[in-house]
Amino acid sequence: WPTNPAPSSYAIIAAQEAGGNVGKLAHSLMRACWAEEKDI
């Protein structure tokens, strides 16, 4: 952090278009960044 937010943001946008639990995805991505030491 910071990192490039575009890939994770694009994924959320695509998932919303596809339909499904977008909230779960968004939180998963942010948890990966802020708690799991992963590069989103």
All heavy atoms as atom14 arrays in JSON, in Angstrom:
{
  "sequence": "WPTNPAPSSYAIIAAQEAGGNVGKLAHSLMRACWAEEKDI",
  "atom14_mask": [
    [1, 1, 1, 1, 1, 1, 1, 1, 1, 1, 1, 1, 1, 1],
    [1, 1, 1, 1, 1, 1, 1, 0, 0, 0, 0, 0, 0, 0],
    [1, 1, 1, 1, 1, 1, 1, 0, 0, 0, 0, 0, 0, 0],
    [1, 1, 1, 1, 1, 1, 1, 1, 0, 0, 0, 0, 0, 0],
    [1, 1, 1, 1, 1, 1, 1, 0, 0, 0, 0, 0, 0, 0],
    [1, 1, 1, 1, 1, 0, 0, 0, 0, 0, 0, 0, 0, 0],
    [1, 1, 1, 1, 1, 1, 1, 0, 0, 0, 0, 0, 0, 0],
    [1, 1, 1, 1, 1, 1, 0, 0, 0, 0, 0, 0, 0, 0],
    [1, 1, 1, 1, 1, 1, 0, 0, 0, 0, 0, 0, 0, 0],
    [1, 1, 1, 1, 1, 1, 1, 1, 1, 1, 1, 1, 0, 0],
    [1, 1, 1, 1, 1, 0, 0, 0, 0, 0, 0, 0, 0, 0],
    [1, 1, 1, 1, 1, 1, 1, 1, 0, 0, 0, 0, 0, 0],
    [1, 1, 1, 1, 1, 1, 1, 1, 0, 0, 0, 0, 0, 0],
    [1, 1, 1, 1, 1, 0, 0, 0, 0, 0, 0, 0, 0, 0],
    [1, 1, 1, 1, 1, 0, 0, 0, 0, 0, 0, 0, 0, 0],
    [1, 1, 1, 1, 1, 1, 1, 1, 1, 0, 0, 0, 0, 0],
    [1, 1, 1, 1, 1, 1, 1, 1, 1, 0, 0, 0, 0, 0],
    [1, 1, 1, 1, 1, 0, 0, 0, 0, 0, 0, 0, 0, 0],
    [1, 1, 1, 1, 0, 0, 0, 0, 0, 0, 0, 0, 0, 0],
    [1, 1, 1, 1, 0, 0, 0, 0, 0, 0, 0, 0, 0, 0],
    [1, 1, 1, 1, 1, 1, 1, 1, 0, 0, 0, 0, 0, 0],
    [1, 1, 1, 1, 1, 1, 1, 0, 0, 0, 0, 0, 0, 0],
    [1, 1, 1, 1, 0, 0, 0, 0, 0, 0, 0, 0, 0, 0],
    [1, 1, 1, 1, 1, 1, 1, 1, 1, 0, 0, 0, 0, 0],
    [1, 1, 1, 1, 1, 1, 1, 1, 0, 0, 0, 0, 0, 0],
    [1, 1, 1, 1, 1, 0, 0, 0, 0, 0, 0, 0, 0, 0],
    [1, 1, 1, 1, 1, 1, 1, 1, 1, 1, 0, 0, 0, 0],
    [1, 1, 1, 1, 1, 1, 0, 0, 0, 0, 0, 0, 0, 0],
    [1, 1, 1, 1, 1, 1, 1, 1, 0, 0, 0, 0, 0, 0],
    [1, 1, 1, 1, 1, 1, 1, 1, 0, 0, 0, 0, 0, 0],
    [1, 1, 1, 1, 1, 1, 1, 1, 1, 1, 1, 0, 0, 0],
    [1, 1, 1, 1, 1, 0, 0, 0, 0, 0, 0, 0, 0, 0],
    [1, 1, 1, 1, 1, 1, 0, 0, 0, 0, 0, 0, 0, 0],
    [1, 1, 1, 1, 1, 1, 1, 1, 1, 1, 1, 1, 1, 1],
    [1, 1, 1, 1, 1, 0, 0, 0, 0, 0, 0, 0, 0, 0],
    [1, 1, 1, 1, 1, 1, 1, 1, 1, 0, 0, 0, 0, 0],
    [1, 1, 1, 1, 1, 1, 1, 1, 1, 0, 0, 0, 0, 0],
    [1, 1, 1, 1, 1, 1, 1, 1, 1, 0, 0, 0, 0, 0],
    [1, 1, 1, 1, 1, 1, 1, 1, 0, 0, 0, 0, 0, 0],
    [1, 1, 1, 1, 1, 1, 1, 1, 0, 0, 0, 0, 0, 0]
  ],
  "atom14_positions": [
    [[0.85, -1.19, 0.0], [0.0, 0.0, 0.0], [0.88, 1.23, 0.0], [1.8, 1.3, 0.81], [-0.92, 0.03, 1.22], [-1.89, 1.16, 1.2], [-3.16, 1.16, 0.67], [-1.7, 2.48, 1.72], [-3.74, 2.38, 0.83], [-2.87, 3.23, 1.46], [-0.63, 3.13, 2.36], [-3.02, 4.55, 1.83], [-0.77, 4.46, 2.72], [-1.95, 5.16, 2.47]],
    [[0.64, 2.17, -0.89], [-0.39, 2.07, -1.92], [0.04, 1.17, -3.08], [1.23, 0.9, -3.23], [-0.55, 3.52, -2.39], [0.78, 4.15, -2.13], [1.31, 3.49, -0.89], [0.0, 0.0, 0.0], [0.0, 0.0, 0.0], [0.0, 0.0, 0.0], [0.0, 0.0, 0.0], [0.0, 0.0, 0.0], [0.0, 0.0, 0.0], [0.0, 0.0, 0.0]],
    [[-0.93, 0.73, -3.83], [-0.69, -0.07, -5.03], [-1.64, 0.42, -6.11], [-2.41, 1.35, -5.88], [-0.91, -1.58, -4.73], [-0.47, -2.35, -5.84], [-2.37, -1.89, -4.43], [0.0, 0.0, 0.0], [0.0, 0.0, 0.0], [0.0, 0.0, 0.0], [0.0, 0.0, 0.0], [0.0, 0.0, 0.0], [0.0, 0.0, 0.0], [0.0, 0.0, 0.0]],
    [[-1.6, -0.2, -7.25], [-2.49, 0.2, -8.34], [-3.91, -0.3, -8.04], [-4.14, -1.52, -7.99], [-1.99, -0.4, -9.66], [-2.86, -0.03, -10.84], [-3.79, 0.76, -10.72], [-2.56, -0.6, -11.99], [0.0, 0.0, 0.0], [0.0, 0.0, 0.0], [0.0, 0.0, 0.0], [0.0, 0.0, 0.0], [0.0, 0.0, 0.0], [0.0, 0.0, 0.0]],
    [[-4.88, 0.6, -7.83], [-6.23, 0.16, -7.5], [-7.06, -0.26, -8.7], [-8.15, -0.8, -8.54], [-6.83, 1.41, -6.85], [-6.15, 2.55, -7.55], [-4.74, 2.08, -7.82], [0.0, 0.0, 0.0], [0.0, 0.0, 0.0], [0.0, 0.0, 0.0], [0.0, 0.0, 0.0], [0.0, 0.0, 0.0], [0.0, 0.0, 0.0], [0.0, 0.0, 0.0]],
    [[-6.56, -0.02, -9.91], [-7.37, -0.29, -11.11], [-7.76, -1.76, -11.26], [-8.94, -2.05, -11.5], [-6.66, 0.22, -12.35], [0.0, 0.0, 0.0], [0.0, 0.0, 0.0], [0.0, 0.0, 0.0], [0.0, 0.0, 0.0], [0.0, 0.0, 0.0], [0.0, 0.0, 0.0], [0.0, 0.0, 0.0], [0.0, 0.0, 0.0], [0.0, 0.0, 0.0]],
    [[-6.83, -2.73, -11.13], [-7.25, -4.13, -11.33], [-8.37, -4.57, -10.4], [-9.33, -5.24, -10.84], [-5.96, -4.91, -11.06], [-4.86, -3.95, -11.4], [-5.38, -2.62, -10.94], [0.0, 0.0, 0.0], [0.0, 0.0, 0.0], [0.0, 0.0, 0.0], [0.0, 0.0, 0.0], [0.0, 0.0, 0.0], [0.0, 0.0, 0.0], [0.0, 0.0, 0.0]],
    [[-8.29, -4.24, -9.13], [-9.34, -4.63, -8.19], [-10.64, -3.89, -8.48], [-11.73, -4.46, -8.39], [-8.89, -4.37, -6.75], [-8.54, -3.01, -6.56], [0.0, 0.0, 0.0], [0.0, 0.0, 0.0], [0.0, 0.0, 0.0], [0.0, 0.0, 0.0], [0.0, 0.0, 0.0], [0.0, 0.0, 0.0], [0.0, 0.0, 0.0], [0.0, 0.0, 0.0]],
    [[-10.54, -2.63, -8.9], [-11.73, -1.85, -9.22], [-12.41, -2.38, -10.47], [-13.65, -2.5, -10.52], [-11.35, -0.38, -9.41], [-10.79, 0.16, -8.23], [0.0, 0.0, 0.0], [0.0, 0.0, 0.0], [0.0, 0.0, 0.0], [0.0, 0.0, 0.0], [0.0, 0.0, 0.0], [0.0, 0.0, 0.0], [0.0, 0.0, 0.0], [0.0, 0.0, 0.0]],
    [[-11.62, -2.7, -11.47], [-12.18, -3.26, -12.71], [-12.89, -4.59, -12.42], [-13.93, -4.88, -13.02], [-11.09, -3.49, -13.74], [-10.42, -2.26, -14.3], [-10.77, -0.98, -13.88], [-9.4, -2.37, -15.24], [-10.13, 0.15, -14.38], [-8.76, -1.25, -15.76], [-9.13, 0.01, -15.33], [-8.49, 1.12, -15.83], [0.0, 0.0, 0.0], [0.0, 0.0, 0.0]],
    [[-12.31, -5.38, -11.54], [-12.93, -6.67, -11.2], [-14.29, -6.47, -10.54], [-15.25, -7.2, -10.84], [-12.01, -7.47, -10.28], [0.0, 0.0, 0.0], [0.0, 0.0, 0.0], [0.0, 0.0, 0.0], [0.0, 0.0, 0.0], [0.0, 0.0, 0.0], [0.0, 0.0, 0.0], [0.0, 0.0, 0.0], [0.0, 0.0, 0.0], [0.0, 0.0, 0.0]],
    [[-14.39, -5.5, -9.66], [-15.67, -5.2, -9.0], [-16.7, -4.75, -10.02], [-17.86, -5.17, -10.0], [-15.47, -4.14, -7.89], [-14.68, -4.75, -6.74], [-16.81, -3.59, -7.41], [-14.17, -3.73, -5.74], [0.0, 0.0, 0.0], [0.0, 0.0, 0.0], [0.0, 0.0, 0.0], [0.0, 0.0, 0.0], [0.0, 0.0, 0.0], [0.0, 0.0, 0.0]],
    [[-16.28, -3.91, -10.95], [-17.19, -3.42, -12.0], [-17.66, -4.57, -12.87], [-18.86, -4.69, -13.18], [-16.48, -2.33, -12.83], [-16.28, -1.07, -11.97], [-17.27, -2.01, -14.1], [-15.28, -0.08, -12.54], [0.0, 0.0, 0.0], [0.0, 0.0, 0.0], [0.0, 0.0, 0.0], [0.0, 0.0, 0.0], [0.0, 0.0, 0.0], [0.0, 0.0, 0.0]],
    [[-16.75, -5.44, -13.27], [-17.12, -6.59, -14.1], [-18.03, -7.55, -13.34], [-18.98, -8.1, -13.91], [-15.86, -7.31, -14.58], [0.0, 0.0, 0.0], [0.0, 0.0, 0.0], [0.0, 0.0, 0.0], [0.0, 0.0, 0.0], [0.0, 0.0, 0.0], [0.0, 0.0, 0.0], [0.0, 0.0, 0.0], [0.0, 0.0, 0.0], [0.0, 0.0, 0.0]],
    [[-17.76, -7.75, -12.07], [-18.58, -8.65, -11.25], [-19.99, -8.1, -11.09], [-20.97, -8.86, -11.12], [-17.92, -8.85, -9.89], [0.0, 0.0, 0.0], [0.0, 0.0, 0.0], [0.0, 0.0, 0.0], [0.0, 0.0, 0.0], [0.0, 0.0, 0.0], [0.0, 0.0, 0.0], [0.0, 0.0, 0.0], [0.0, 0.0, 0.0], [0.0, 0.0, 0.0]],
    [[-20.1, -6.8, -10.93], [-21.42, -6.19, -10.81], [-22.23, -6.4, -12.09], [-23.42, -6.68, -12.05], [-21.29, -4.7, -10.51], [-22.6, -3.99, -10.29], [-22.42, -2.65, -9.61], [-22.96, -2.41, -8.53], [-21.65, -1.78, -10.2], [0.0, 0.0, 0.0], [0.0, 0.0, 0.0], [0.0, 0.0, 0.0], [0.0, 0.0, 0.0], [0.0, 0.0, 0.0]],
    [[-21.55, -6.28, -13.22], [-22.21, -6.51, -14.5], [-22.64, -7.97, -14.64], [-23.71, -8.27, -15.17], [-21.25, -6.14, -15.64], [-21.84, -6.26, -17.02], [-22.88, -5.22, -17.36], [-22.99, -4.2, -16.63], [-23.6, -5.41, -18.36], [0.0, 0.0, 0.0], [0.0, 0.0, 0.0], [0.0, 0.0, 0.0], [0.0, 0.0, 0.0], [0.0, 0.0, 0.0]],
    [[-21.81, -8.89, -14.14], [-22.1, -10.31, -14.25], [-23.21, -10.75, -13.3], [-23.96, -11.69, -13.59], [-20.83, -11.12, -13.97], [0.0, 0.0, 0.0], [0.0, 0.0, 0.0], [0.0, 0.0, 0.0], [0.0, 0.0, 0.0], [0.0, 0.0, 0.0], [0.0, 0.0, 0.0], [0.0, 0.0, 0.0], [0.0, 0.0, 0.0], [0.0, 0.0, 0.0]],
    [[-23.31, -10.07, -12.15], [-24.3, -10.43, -11.14], [-23.73, -11.39, -10.12], [-23.02, -12.33, -10.47], [0.0, 0.0, 0.0], [0.0, 0.0, 0.0], [0.0, 0.0, 0.0], [0.0, 0.0, 0.0], [0.0, 0.0, 0.0], [0.0, 0.0, 0.0], [0.0, 0.0, 0.0], [0.0, 0.0, 0.0], [0.0, 0.0, 0.0], [0.0, 0.0, 0.0]],
    [[-24.03, -11.14, -8.87], [-23.51, -11.97, -7.79], [-23.29, -11.13, -6.55], [-23.73, -9.99, -6.46], [0.0, 0.0, 0.0], [0.0, 0.0, 0.0], [0.0, 0.0, 0.0], [0.0, 0.0, 0.0], [0.0, 0.0, 0.0], [0.0, 0.0, 0.0], [0.0, 0.0, 0.0], [0.0, 0.0, 0.0], [0.0, 0.0, 0.0], [0.0, 0.0, 0.0]],
    [[-22.57, -11.69, -5.59], [-22.34, -11.02, -4.31], [-21.15, -10.06, -4.43], [-20.02, -10.4, -4.07], [-22.1, -12.06, -3.22], [-22.16, -11.45, -1.83], [-21.96, -10.24, -1.65], [-22.45, -12.27, -0.84], [0.0, 0.0, 0.0], [0.0, 0.0, 0.0], [0.0, 0.0, 0.0], [0.0, 0.0, 0.0], [0.0, 0.0, 0.0], [0.0, 0.0, 0.0]],
    [[-21.43, -8.87, -4.94], [-20.37, -7.89, -5.17], [-19.81, -7.37, -3.84], [-18.62, -7.09, -3.73], [-20.88, -6.71, -6.03], [-19.76, -5.73, -6.32], [-21.48, -7.23, -7.33], [0.0, 0.0, 0.0], [0.0, 0.0, 0.0], [0.0, 0.0, 0.0], [0.0, 0.0, 0.0], [0.0, 0.0, 0.0], [0.0, 0.0, 0.0], [0.0, 0.0, 0.0]],
    [[-20.65, -7.26, -2.83], [-20.18, -6.81, -1.53], [-19.13, -7.75, -0.96], [-18.13, -7.31, -0.4], [0.0, 0.0, 0.0], [0.0, 0.0, 0.0], [0.0, 0.0, 0.0], [0.0, 0.0, 0.0], [0.0, 0.0, 0.0], [0.0, 0.0, 0.0], [0.0, 0.0, 0.0], [0.0, 0.0, 0.0], [0.0, 0.0, 0.0], [0.0, 0.0, 0.0]],
    [[-19.36, -9.04, -1.11], [-18.4, -10.03, -0.62], [-17.07, -9.88, -1.35], [-16.0, -9.95, -0.75], [-18.95, -11.44, -0.81], [-18.04, -12.54, -0.29], [-18.69, -13.91, -0.44], [-17.78, -15.01, 0.1], [-18.4, -16.35, -0.06], [0.0, 0.0, 0.0], [0.0, 0.0, 0.0], [0.0, 0.0, 0.0], [0.0, 0.0, 0.0], [0.0, 0.0, 0.0]],
    [[-17.14, -9.67, -2.66], [-15.92, -9.48, -3.45], [-15.17, -8.22, -3.02], [-13.95, -8.26, -2.81], [-16.25, -9.41, -4.94], [-15.08, -9.02, -5.86], [-13.96, -10.05, -5.78], [-15.58, -8.84, -7.28], [0.0, 0.0, 0.0], [0.0, 0.0, 0.0], [0.0, 0.0, 0.0], [0.0, 0.0, 0.0], [0.0, 0.0, 0.0], [0.0, 0.0, 0.0]],
    [[-15.88, -7.12, -2.9], [-15.25, -5.86, -2.52], [-14.55, -5.99, -1.17], [-13.4, -5.56, -1.0], [-16.27, -4.73, -2.49], [0.0, 0.0, 0.0], [0.0, 0.0, 0.0], [0.0, 0.0, 0.0], [0.0, 0.0, 0.0], [0.0, 0.0, 0.0], [0.0, 0.0, 0.0], [0.0, 0.0, 0.0], [0.0, 0.0, 0.0], [0.0, 0.0, 0.0]],
    [[-15.24, -6.6, -0.22], [-14.64, -6.74, 1.11], [-13.45, -7.7, 1.06], [-12.43, -7.47, 1.74], [-15.66, -7.21, 2.13], [-15.13, -7.25, 3.52], [-14.7, -6.12, 4.19], [-14.91, -8.28, 4.37], [-14.25, -6.45, 5.38], [-14.37, -7.76, 5.52], [0.0, 0.0, 0.0], [0.0, 0.0, 0.0], [0.0, 0.0, 0.0], [0.0, 0.0, 0.0]],
    [[-13.55, -8.74, 0.26], [-12.45, -9.69, 0.13], [-11.19, -9.01, -0.41], [-10.08, -9.25, 0.08], [-12.86, -10.84, -0.8], [-11.78, -11.71, -1.04], [0.0, 0.0, 0.0], [0.0, 0.0, 0.0], [0.0, 0.0, 0.0], [0.0, 0.0, 0.0], [0.0, 0.0, 0.0], [0.0, 0.0, 0.0], [0.0, 0.0, 0.0], [0.0, 0.0, 0.0]],
    [[-11.37, -8.16, -1.4], [-10.23, -7.44, -1.98], [-9.61, -6.48, -0.96], [-8.38, -6.41, -0.83], [-10.67, -6.68, -3.23], [-10.94, -7.54, -4.46], [-11.79, -6.79, -5.48], [-9.61, -7.98, -5.09], [0.0, 0.0, 0.0], [0.0, 0.0, 0.0], [0.0, 0.0, 0.0], [0.0, 0.0, 0.0], [0.0, 0.0, 0.0], [0.0, 0.0, 0.0]],
    [[-10.45, -5.76, -0.24], [-9.91, -4.81, 0.73], [-9.28, -5.52, 1.92], [-8.27, -5.07, 2.45], [-11.01, -3.83, 1.16], [-11.37, -2.85, 0.04], [-12.56, -1.57, 0.49], [-14.1, -2.47, 0.28], [0.0, 0.0, 0.0], [0.0, 0.0, 0.0], [0.0, 0.0, 0.0], [0.0, 0.0, 0.0], [0.0, 0.0, 0.0], [0.0, 0.0, 0.0]],
    [[-9.86, -6.65, 2.32], [-9.25, -7.45, 3.39], [-7.88, -7.98, 2.95], [-6.92, -8.01, 3.73], [-10.16, -8.6, 3.79], [-9.63, -9.43, 4.97], [-10.59, -10.51, 5.39], [-10.8, -11.48, 4.33], [-11.96, -11.66, 3.7], [-13.02, -10.93, 4.03], [-12.08, -12.55, 2.74], [0.0, 0.0, 0.0], [0.0, 0.0, 0.0], [0.0, 0.0, 0.0]],
    [[-7.78, -8.39, 1.68], [-6.5, -8.87, 1.15], [-5.44, -7.79, 1.28], [-4.28, -8.07, 1.62], [-6.67, -9.29, -0.31], [0.0, 0.0, 0.0], [0.0, 0.0, 0.0], [0.0, 0.0, 0.0], [0.0, 0.0, 0.0], [0.0, 0.0, 0.0], [0.0, 0.0, 0.0], [0.0, 0.0, 0.0], [0.0, 0.0, 0.0], [0.0, 0.0, 0.0]],
    [[-5.82, -6.56, 1.0], [-4.87, -5.43, 1.1], [-4.54, -5.1, 2.54], [-3.36, -5.05, 2.91], [-5.46, -4.21, 0.4], [-4.47, -2.69, 0.59], [0.0, 0.0, 0.0], [0.0, 0.0, 0.0], [0.0, 0.0, 0.0], [0.0, 0.0, 0.0], [0.0, 0.0, 0.0], [0.0, 0.0, 0.0], [0.0, 0.0, 0.0], [0.0, 0.0, 0.0]],
    [[-5.56, -4.89, 3.35], [-5.37, -4.3, 4.68], [-5.06, -5.29, 5.8], [-4.53, -4.9, 6.83], [-6.59, -3.45, 5.04], [-6.6, -2.19, 4.25], [-7.31, -1.93, 3.11], [-5.81, -1.04, 4.49], [-7.01, -0.68, 2.63], [-6.09, -0.1, 3.46], [-4.88, -0.69, 5.46], [-5.47, 1.15, 3.39], [-4.26, 0.56, 5.39], [-4.58, 1.46, 4.36]],
    [[-5.39, -6.56, 5.58], [-5.18, -7.54, 6.66], [-4.32, -8.73, 6.27], [-3.74, -9.36, 7.14], [-6.52, -8.03, 7.18], [0.0, 0.0, 0.0], [0.0, 0.0, 0.0], [0.0, 0.0, 0.0], [0.0, 0.0, 0.0], [0.0, 0.0, 0.0], [0.0, 0.0, 0.0], [0.0, 0.0, 0.0], [0.0, 0.0, 0.0], [0.0, 0.0, 0.0]],
    [[-4.23, -9.02, 4.96], [-3.56, -10.25, 4.54], [-2.23, -10.0, 3.83], [-1.62, -10.97, 3.35], [-4.51, -11.06, 3.64], [-5.78, -11.49, 4.37], [-6.8, -12.14, 3.45], [-6.58, -12.17, 2.21], [-7.84, -12.6, 3.96], [0.0, 0.0, 0.0], [0.0, 0.0, 0.0], [0.0, 0.0, 0.0], [0.0, 0.0, 0.0], [0.0, 0.0, 0.0]],
    [[-1.81, -8.75, 3.75], [-0.52, -8.42, 3.14], [-0.4, -8.92, 1.7], [0.62, -9.46, 1.29], [0.64, -8.99, 3.98], [0.7, -8.47, 5.39], [1.3, -7.06, 5.5], [1.33, -6.33, 4.49], [1.74, -6.71, 6.6], [0.0, 0.0, 0.0], [0.0, 0.0, 0.0], [0.0, 0.0, 0.0], [0.0, 0.0, 0.0], [0.0, 0.0, 0.0]],
    [[-1.46, -8.73, 0.93], [-1.46, -9.12, -0.47], [-1.58, -7.89, -1.37], [-2.17, -6.87, -0.96], [-2.62, -10.08, -0.76], [-2.49, -11.41, -0.03], [-3.7, -12.3, -0.27], [-3.57, -13.61, 0.5], [-4.79, -14.44, 0.37], [0.0, 0.0, 0.0], [0.0, 0.0, 0.0], [0.0, 0.0, 0.0], [0.0, 0.0, 0.0], [0.0, 0.0, 0.0]],
    [[-1.04, -8.0, -2.56], [-1.03, -6.88, -3.51], [-2.26, -6.97, -4.41], [-2.31, -7.79, -5.33], [0.25, -6.92, -4.34], [0.35, -5.75, -5.31], [-0.57, -4.89, -5.32], [1.33, -5.7, -6.06], [0.0, 0.0, 0.0], [0.0, 0.0, 0.0], [0.0, 0.0, 0.0], [0.0, 0.0, 0.0], [0.0, 0.0, 0.0], [0.0, 0.0, 0.0]],
    [[-3.26, -6.12, -4.16], [-4.48, -6.17, -4.97], [-4.29, -5.49, -6.33], [-5.24, -5.4, -7.11], [-5.69, -5.58, -4.23], [-5.46, -4.12, -3.83], [-6.03, -6.44, -3.01], [-6.72, -3.44, -3.29], [0.0, 0.0, 0.0], [0.0, 0.0, 0.0], [0.0, 0.0, 0.0], [0.0, 0.0, 0.0], [0.0, 0.0, 0.0], [0.0, 0.0, 0.0]]
  ]
}
